[in-house]
Amino acid sequence: MESIQTIFSNVIKENRDNQHFLKILGDTCFELSRKKIQRLKDDKKIQNRVAELFEQYCKVLENEGIKNTANLSVIIESLLKAANQDKEEFLYKTLYEIEQLKKSAQNQKNEIKNSITNTYNILEKHINSLPQDLKGVALEALNDTKLNALEMLGILRETTEEALLTTLEKGSDIEDTTFQVTKNLTFQAIKDGEFAKRRFLSTTSTIMDVALELANANLAYSKELINGAVRGTKEGILKALDKFKNDIKFAPKDDDVFGQNFEEIKKDLVKIEDDYIQMLRDLSNQYDGKIQEALKENIEKYDNSVEKIKRATAEAKEVITQRLEEFKPNVSLEEIKEKAETKFESFKKDVNELGKKANETLESIKQNETTKKQQVKQKN
């Protein structure tokens, strides 16, 4: 059986004048190397084999007088490809499987969403036939439970669009209904997840984005939609802040809520109201005409009324500080007395040391004065 070096040499001689020589060189190097590497499982052995093959290929190129940068680059690339082909194939297979799982998960999510929607539609029909006093309470409960699944299903945008389209179809009380819808959506979407400013802003941005798109497509109700959505998202944030504050204030020490990093949360709450206004400004820059005008009116209006959010964040931070103080270990009277005595002894020691240094300094000054007087007398 011919050695790999001989085979490689023969291919070079036969094709060195071929216009596709570099491709032939690379393909040959890869195929020959692959056969020598494919059975090796240990990485160290693979690397050693690669080094051996590289030396053999270099000798052939040198013997043929074509050992140059272009040819050596092709050799190196082919060796790398041969050494890592199994891993690359496994990676591509894994990526393909991940993509299939994502598609499957999305299909499942859509099925669940459709099932939930159908169930709610059926329940809503039955609720509409209930007596008026029970109907309002039942519809409120239905909407609350519907919104609880938002984060899990990742359908905040779709749910917002569906709720606002329903509001538009009814054609009455657009602004107030939009306010209630967006307030509940904002609150439900952020109330039980990670307490972080970025979640607040991401949620409100998504809801506002949908409201603005619908306003742009329904200019007759654009102002009502925008006014209601701005008020609603702001109030949703306030409601979530208030819930968090009460959770912290009244939760027992062993509650899960205390597993959070309160110091980080306190930092995160800084200027949340300014970031909310900036989020609205960023959205307004994506539109013009009536939409931009209505949004800017709200920005000017609520830029002066964000004190509510400022107060809410300040109160939340104050409650966090109070609870953290409660969790500090209690110090006994004896410990306080002992610390005080230690500090007093340290203070006495410092005073004594200071007194010694003062006496030494005074003595030094006296000696200097005496010396000077003696020197004056001697001169006279």
Protein backbone atom coordinates (compact mmCIF):
# COMPACT_ATOMS: atom_id res chain seq x y z
CA MET A 1 0.00 0.00 0.00
CA GLU A 2 1.34 3.39 -0.98
CA SER A 3 2.27 5.75 1.82
CA ILE A 4 0.29 8.92 2.29
CA GLN A 5 3.35 10.94 1.34
CA THR A 6 3.70 9.07 -1.98
CA ILE A 7 0.01 9.49 -2.83
CA PHE A 8 0.17 13.20 -1.99
CA SER A 9 3.36 13.60 -4.09
CA ASN A 10 1.78 11.93 -7.12
CA VAL A 11 -1.31 14.16 -6.95
CA ILE A 12 0.92 17.26 -6.76
CA LYS A 13 2.97 16.19 -9.78
CA GLU A 14 -0.12 15.43 -11.87
CA ASN A 15 -1.93 18.67 -11.08
CA ARG A 16 0.67 21.34 -10.33
CA ASP A 17 -0.08 23.10 -13.62
CA ASN A 18 -3.86 22.82 -13.23
CA GLN A 19 -5.64 26.19 -12.92
CA HIS A 20 -7.62 24.74 -9.98
CA PHE A 21 -4.47 23.47 -8.26
CA LEU A 22 -5.19 25.09 -4.86
CA LYS A 23 -8.61 23.43 -4.65
CA ILE A 24 -7.16 20.05 -5.65
CA LEU A 25 -4.39 20.53 -3.10
CA GLY A 26 -6.86 21.31 -0.33
CA ASP A 27 -9.28 18.47 -1.17
CA THR A 28 -6.44 15.93 -1.38
CA CYS A 29 -4.90 17.06 1.87
CA PHE A 30 -8.31 16.90 3.62
CA GLU A 31 -9.22 13.41 2.31
CA LEU A 32 -5.84 11.88 3.11
CA SER A 33 -5.71 13.50 6.55
CA ARG A 34 -9.29 12.53 7.37
CA LYS A 35 -8.49 8.82 6.82
CA LYS A 36 -5.52 9.06 9.18
CA ILE A 37 -7.39 11.00 11.89
CA GLN A 38 -10.96 9.65 11.93
CA ARG A 39 -10.26 6.61 14.12
CA LEU A 40 -8.37 8.61 16.76
CA LYS A 41 -10.45 9.67 19.76
CA ASP A 42 -7.88 11.25 22.04
CA ASP A 43 -7.23 14.95 21.35
CA LYS A 44 -3.53 14.66 22.07
CA LYS A 45 -3.14 11.82 19.56
CA ILE A 46 -5.08 13.81 16.97
CA GLN A 47 -2.79 16.83 17.44
CA ASN A 48 0.32 14.63 17.15
CA ARG A 49 -1.02 13.07 13.95
CA VAL A 50 -1.78 16.53 12.51
CA ALA A 51 1.83 17.59 13.20
CA GLU A 52 3.20 14.45 11.51
CA LEU A 53 1.04 14.95 8.42
CA PHE A 54 1.99 18.62 8.19
CA GLU A 55 5.68 17.67 8.12
CA GLN A 56 5.07 15.09 5.37
CA TYR A 57 3.09 17.52 3.22
CA CYS A 58 5.77 20.20 3.68
CA LYS A 59 8.48 17.81 2.50
CA VAL A 60 6.53 17.03 -0.67
CA LEU A 61 5.96 20.72 -1.39
CA GLU A 62 9.63 21.41 -0.77
CA ASN A 63 10.72 18.56 -3.06
CA GLU A 64 8.45 19.90 -5.79
CA GLY A 65 9.74 23.43 -5.27
CA ILE A 66 6.32 24.89 -4.42
CA LYS A 67 6.64 25.44 -0.66
CA ASN A 68 5.08 28.90 -0.51
CA THR A 69 2.63 30.81 1.71
CA ALA A 70 -0.47 30.17 -0.43
CA ASN A 71 0.07 26.39 -0.60
CA LEU A 72 0.95 26.11 3.10
CA SER A 73 -2.19 28.08 4.04
CA VAL A 74 -4.33 25.59 2.10
CA ILE A 75 -2.55 22.68 3.84
CA ILE A 76 -3.14 24.18 7.31
CA GLU A 77 -6.84 24.91 6.62
CA SER A 78 -7.38 21.35 5.34
CA LEU A 79 -5.68 19.83 8.40
CA LEU A 80 -7.81 21.94 10.74
CA LYS A 81 -10.96 20.89 8.90
CA ALA A 82 -9.97 17.20 9.03
CA ALA A 83 -9.07 17.35 12.74
CA ASN A 84 -12.36 18.98 13.75
CA GLN A 85 -14.87 17.47 11.32
CA ASP A 86 -16.47 15.12 13.87
CA LYS A 87 -16.91 17.97 16.36
CA GLU A 88 -18.31 20.28 13.69
CA GLU A 89 -20.77 17.63 12.52
CA PHE A 90 -21.89 17.07 16.12
CA LEU A 91 -22.27 20.84 16.60
CA TYR A 92 -24.36 21.24 13.44
CA LYS A 93 -26.50 18.28 14.45
CA THR A 94 -27.02 19.79 17.91
CA LEU A 95 -27.90 23.20 16.46
CA TYR A 96 -30.39 21.56 14.12
CA GLU A 97 -31.99 19.68 17.03
CA ILE A 98 -32.16 22.90 19.06
CA GLU A 99 -33.88 24.64 16.15
CA GLN A 100 -36.39 21.80 15.90
CA LEU A 101 -37.05 21.97 19.65
CA LYS A 102 -37.62 25.73 19.39
CA LYS A 103 -40.16 25.17 16.63
CA SER A 104 -41.84 22.46 18.67
CA ALA A 105 -41.93 24.70 21.74
CA GLN A 106 -43.41 27.55 19.70
CA ASN A 107 -46.07 25.23 18.31
CA GLN A 108 -46.91 24.06 21.83
CA LYS A 109 -47.04 27.67 23.00
CA ASN A 110 -49.44 28.54 20.16
CA GLU A 111 -51.62 25.54 21.00
CA ILE A 112 -51.77 26.55 24.67
CA LYS A 113 -52.47 30.15 23.70
CA ASN A 114 -55.30 29.10 21.37
CA SER A 115 -56.71 26.74 24.00
CA ILE A 116 -56.63 29.49 26.66
CA THR A 117 -58.19 32.00 24.27
CA ASN A 118 -60.99 29.60 23.32
CA THR A 119 -61.66 28.79 26.96
CA TYR A 120 -61.81 32.46 27.90
CA ASN A 121 -64.12 33.22 24.98
CA ILE A 122 -66.53 30.53 26.14
CA LEU A 123 -66.39 31.76 29.75
CA GLU A 124 -66.89 35.37 28.62
CA LYS A 125 -70.05 34.40 26.71
CA HIS A 126 -71.47 32.76 29.81
CA ILE A 127 -70.43 35.70 32.01
CA ASN A 128 -72.22 38.14 29.70
CA SER A 129 -75.47 36.33 30.43
CA LEU A 130 -75.04 36.70 34.21
CA PRO A 131 -76.90 39.36 36.26
CA GLN A 132 -75.30 42.81 35.96
CA ASP A 133 -73.97 42.95 39.57
CA LEU A 134 -72.18 39.59 39.15
CA LYS A 135 -71.12 40.20 35.56
CA GLY A 136 -68.65 43.02 36.38
CA VAL A 137 -66.92 41.06 39.15
CA ALA A 138 -66.71 37.90 37.02
CA LEU A 139 -65.24 39.76 34.03
CA GLU A 140 -62.61 41.40 36.26
CA ALA A 141 -61.65 38.00 37.70
CA LEU A 142 -61.52 36.53 34.20
CA ASN A 143 -59.19 39.28 32.95
CA ASP A 144 -56.89 38.97 35.97
CA THR A 145 -56.43 35.21 35.55
CA LYS A 146 -55.90 35.67 31.83
CA LEU A 147 -53.11 38.18 32.40
CA ASN A 148 -51.35 35.97 34.96
CA ALA A 149 -50.09 33.70 32.16
CA LEU A 150 -48.42 36.50 30.20
CA GLU A 151 -44.77 36.01 31.14
CA MET A 152 -44.90 32.23 31.08
CA LEU A 153 -46.32 32.15 27.57
CA GLY A 154 -44.40 35.17 26.32
CA ILE A 155 -47.51 36.63 24.72
CA LEU A 156 -47.56 40.11 26.21
CA ARG A 157 -47.57 41.79 22.78
CA GLU A 158 -50.31 39.52 21.43
CA THR A 159 -52.48 39.89 24.53
CA THR A 160 -52.08 43.68 24.53
CA GLU A 161 -53.05 43.85 20.86
CA GLU A 162 -56.05 41.58 21.38
CA ALA A 163 -57.29 43.57 24.39
CA LEU A 164 -56.89 46.97 22.67
CA LEU A 165 -58.51 45.75 19.46
CA THR A 166 -61.49 44.59 21.51
CA THR A 167 -61.56 48.06 23.10
CA LEU A 168 -61.59 49.70 19.66
CA GLU A 169 -64.34 47.39 18.39
CA LYS A 170 -66.63 48.45 21.22
CA GLY A 171 -66.08 52.06 20.15
CA SER A 172 -66.93 53.68 23.49
CA ASP A 173 -64.94 54.81 26.55
CA ILE A 174 -61.74 54.18 24.56
CA GLU A 175 -59.41 56.17 26.79
CA ASP A 176 -60.70 54.85 30.13
CA THR A 177 -60.85 51.26 28.90
CA THR A 178 -57.34 51.53 27.44
CA PHE A 179 -56.17 52.93 30.79
CA GLN A 180 -57.62 49.97 32.71
CA VAL A 181 -56.33 47.41 30.20
CA THR A 182 -52.76 48.76 30.07
CA LYS A 183 -52.60 49.28 33.84
CA ASN A 184 -53.61 45.66 34.49
CA LEU A 185 -51.32 44.35 31.76
CA THR A 186 -48.33 46.27 33.14
CA PHE A 187 -49.01 45.24 36.73
CA GLN A 188 -49.69 41.57 35.99
CA ALA A 189 -46.64 41.26 33.73
CA ILE A 190 -44.14 42.62 36.28
CA LYS A 191 -45.61 41.95 39.72
CA ASP A 192 -44.29 38.43 40.34
CA GLY A 193 -41.06 38.33 38.34
CA GLU A 194 -37.60 39.73 39.02
CA PHE A 195 -37.89 43.17 40.59
CA ALA A 196 -35.70 45.09 38.14
CA LYS A 197 -36.03 48.44 36.37
CA ARG A 198 -35.20 46.90 33.01
CA ARG A 199 -38.24 44.59 33.33
CA PHE A 200 -40.46 47.56 34.17
CA LEU A 201 -39.24 49.50 31.16
CA SER A 202 -39.24 46.51 28.81
CA THR A 203 -42.84 45.68 29.74
CA THR A 204 -44.12 49.24 29.43
CA SER A 205 -42.20 49.71 26.17
CA THR A 206 -43.86 46.63 24.64
CA ILE A 207 -47.34 47.72 25.73
CA MET A 208 -46.81 51.31 24.54
CA ASP A 209 -45.39 50.10 21.23
CA VAL A 210 -48.56 48.08 20.52
CA ALA A 211 -50.78 51.00 21.56
CA LEU A 212 -48.88 53.37 19.24
CA GLU A 213 -49.09 50.97 16.29
CA LEU A 214 -52.85 50.65 16.75
CA ALA A 215 -53.17 54.41 17.21
CA ASN A 216 -51.30 54.92 13.96
CA ALA A 217 -53.68 52.55 12.19
CA ASN A 218 -56.78 54.07 13.82
CA LEU A 219 -56.15 57.82 13.77
CA ALA A 220 -59.74 58.61 14.78
CA TYR A 221 -59.02 57.15 18.23
CA SER A 222 -55.25 57.77 18.34
CA LYS A 223 -55.34 60.40 21.09
CA GLU A 224 -57.60 58.30 23.33
CA LEU A 225 -55.40 55.22 22.89
CA ILE A 226 -52.19 57.11 23.60
CA ASN A 227 -53.59 59.02 26.60
CA GLY A 228 -54.99 55.84 28.12
CA ALA A 229 -51.82 53.78 27.49
CA VAL A 230 -49.46 56.37 28.99
CA ARG A 231 -51.63 56.72 32.10
CA GLY A 232 -52.12 52.97 32.33
CA THR A 233 -48.48 51.93 32.08
CA LYS A 234 -47.48 54.57 34.63
CA GLU A 235 -50.16 53.45 37.08
CA GLY A 236 -49.21 49.82 36.48
CA ILE A 237 -45.65 50.59 37.56
CA LEU A 238 -46.94 52.41 40.64
CA LYS A 239 -49.16 49.47 41.54
CA ALA A 240 -46.24 47.05 41.18
CA LEU A 241 -44.02 49.30 43.33
CA ASP A 242 -46.72 49.47 45.98
CA LYS A 243 -47.10 45.67 45.98
CA PHE A 244 -43.36 45.19 46.31
CA LYS A 245 -43.20 47.69 49.16
CA ASN A 246 -45.97 45.85 51.06
CA ASP A 247 -44.41 42.45 50.34
CA ILE A 248 -41.18 43.66 51.96
CA LYS A 249 -42.91 45.48 54.80
CA PHE A 250 -45.11 42.64 56.01
CA ALA A 251 -43.29 39.47 54.91
CA PRO A 252 -41.76 37.27 57.65
CA LYS A 253 -37.96 37.02 57.77
CA ASP A 254 -37.91 33.54 56.21
CA ASP A 255 -40.00 34.60 53.18
CA ASP A 256 -38.60 34.00 49.68
CA VAL A 257 -38.72 37.74 48.99
CA PHE A 258 -35.69 38.18 51.24
CA GLY A 259 -33.61 36.03 48.93
CA GLN A 260 -33.25 39.09 46.67
CA ASN A 261 -30.31 41.48 46.72
CA PHE A 262 -31.91 44.55 48.27
CA GLU A 263 -28.86 46.75 47.87
CA GLU A 264 -28.92 46.12 44.12
CA ILE A 265 -32.68 46.75 44.02
CA LYS A 266 -32.22 50.08 45.82
CA LYS A 267 -29.65 51.14 43.23
CA ASP A 268 -31.89 49.91 40.42
CA LEU A 269 -34.80 52.05 41.61
CA VAL A 270 -32.82 55.26 41.17
CA LYS A 271 -34.39 57.57 38.57
CA ILE A 272 -36.86 54.96 37.29
CA GLU A 273 -39.28 57.83 36.60
CA ASP A 274 -36.73 59.60 34.37
CA ASP A 275 -36.06 56.39 32.47
CA TYR A 276 -39.81 55.91 31.98
CA ILE A 277 -40.12 59.39 30.45
CA GLN A 278 -37.05 58.76 28.28
CA MET A 279 -38.60 55.52 27.05
CA LEU A 280 -41.66 57.49 25.91
CA ARG A 281 -39.40 60.06 24.19
CA ASP A 282 -37.58 57.29 22.33
CA LEU A 283 -40.89 55.86 21.13
CA SER A 284 -42.13 59.29 20.03
CA ASN A 285 -39.10 59.63 17.75
CA GLN A 286 -40.34 56.63 15.76
CA TYR A 287 -43.53 58.45 14.72
CA ASP A 288 -44.55 61.78 13.27
CA GLY A 289 -47.69 63.82 12.79
CA LYS A 290 -50.68 63.22 15.01
CA ILE A 291 -49.12 60.26 16.86
CA GLN A 292 -45.91 62.09 17.79
CA GLU A 293 -47.88 65.19 18.79
CA ALA A 294 -50.22 63.26 21.10
CA LEU A 295 -47.33 61.38 22.70
CA LYS A 296 -45.30 64.55 23.25
CA GLU A 297 -48.31 66.18 24.92
CA ASN A 298 -48.42 63.25 27.34
CA ILE A 299 -44.67 63.44 27.92
CA GLU A 300 -44.91 67.13 28.83
CA LYS A 301 -47.90 66.44 31.04
CA TYR A 302 -46.42 63.47 32.87
CA ASP A 303 -42.92 64.91 32.99
CA ASN A 304 -44.38 67.22 35.61
CA SER A 305 -46.34 64.53 37.42
CA VAL A 306 -43.76 61.79 37.86
CA GLU A 307 -43.54 62.80 41.52
CA LYS A 308 -45.88 59.89 42.22
CA ILE A 309 -43.32 57.41 40.91
CA LYS A 310 -40.53 59.26 42.74
CA ARG A 311 -42.45 58.99 46.01
CA ALA A 312 -43.23 55.31 45.39
CA THR A 313 -39.59 54.44 44.69
CA ALA A 314 -38.42 56.49 47.69
CA GLU A 315 -40.92 54.67 49.94
CA ALA A 316 -39.84 51.29 48.57
CA LYS A 317 -36.18 52.09 49.26
CA GLU A 318 -37.07 53.32 52.76
CA VAL A 319 -38.93 50.09 53.55
CA ILE A 320 -35.99 48.03 52.27
CA THR A 321 -33.61 49.98 54.54
CA GLN A 322 -35.90 49.53 57.56
CA ARG A 323 -36.21 45.77 57.04
CA LEU A 324 -32.47 45.39 56.56
CA GLU A 325 -31.95 47.23 59.85
CA GLU A 326 -34.36 44.79 61.54
CA PHE A 327 -32.29 41.85 60.37
CA LYS A 328 -29.08 43.15 61.92
CA PRO A 329 -28.10 40.95 64.91
CA ASN A 330 -29.16 42.36 68.31
CA VAL A 331 -26.33 43.56 70.56
CA SER A 332 -26.64 42.90 74.30
CA LEU A 333 -26.14 45.54 77.00
CA GLU A 334 -23.04 43.73 78.20
CA GLU A 335 -21.53 43.85 74.71
CA ILE A 336 -22.25 47.58 74.45
CA LYS A 337 -20.68 48.13 77.90
CA GLU A 338 -17.64 46.05 76.97
CA LYS A 339 -17.16 47.97 73.68
CA ALA A 340 -17.51 51.29 75.53
CA GLU A 341 -14.92 50.26 78.12
CA THR A 342 -12.53 49.12 75.41
CA LYS A 343 -12.91 52.42 73.59
CA PHE A 344 -12.40 54.33 76.86
CA GLU A 345 -9.22 52.42 77.67
CA SER A 346 -7.97 53.09 74.15
CA PHE A 347 -8.83 56.77 74.56
CA LYS A 348 -6.96 56.97 77.91
CA LYS A 349 -3.93 55.36 76.31
CA ASP A 350 -4.03 57.87 73.46
CA VAL A 351 -4.32 60.76 75.94
CA ASN A 352 -1.35 59.47 77.96
CA GLU A 353 0.71 59.09 74.81
CA LEU A 354 -0.26 62.59 73.73
CA GLY A 355 0.69 63.92 77.20
CA LYS A 356 4.11 62.28 77.03
CA LYS A 357 4.74 63.75 73.58
CA ALA A 358 3.63 67.20 74.81
CA ASN A 359 5.99 67.02 77.81
CA GLU A 360 8.84 65.89 75.59
CA THR A 361 8.16 68.75 73.18
CA LEU A 362 7.98 71.27 76.07
CA GLU A 363 11.23 69.98 77.54
CA SER A 364 12.90 70.24 74.16
CA ILE A 365 11.73 73.86 73.80
CA LYS A 366 13.10 74.73 77.30
CA GLN A 367 16.47 73.21 76.49
CA ASN A 368 16.65 75.16 73.23
CA GLU A 369 15.84 78.44 75.06
CA THR A 370 18.50 77.74 77.69
CA THR A 371 21.06 76.98 75.02
CA LYS A 372 20.25 80.22 73.18
CA LYS A 373 20.60 82.30 76.39
CA GLN A 374 23.95 80.73 77.13
CA GLN A 375 25.15 81.47 73.60
CA VAL A 376 24.08 85.13 73.95
CA LYS A 377 25.94 85.50 77.26
CA GLN A 378 29.07 84.01 75.78
CA LYS A 379 28.97 86.51 72.88
CA ASN A 380 28.63 89.42 75.29
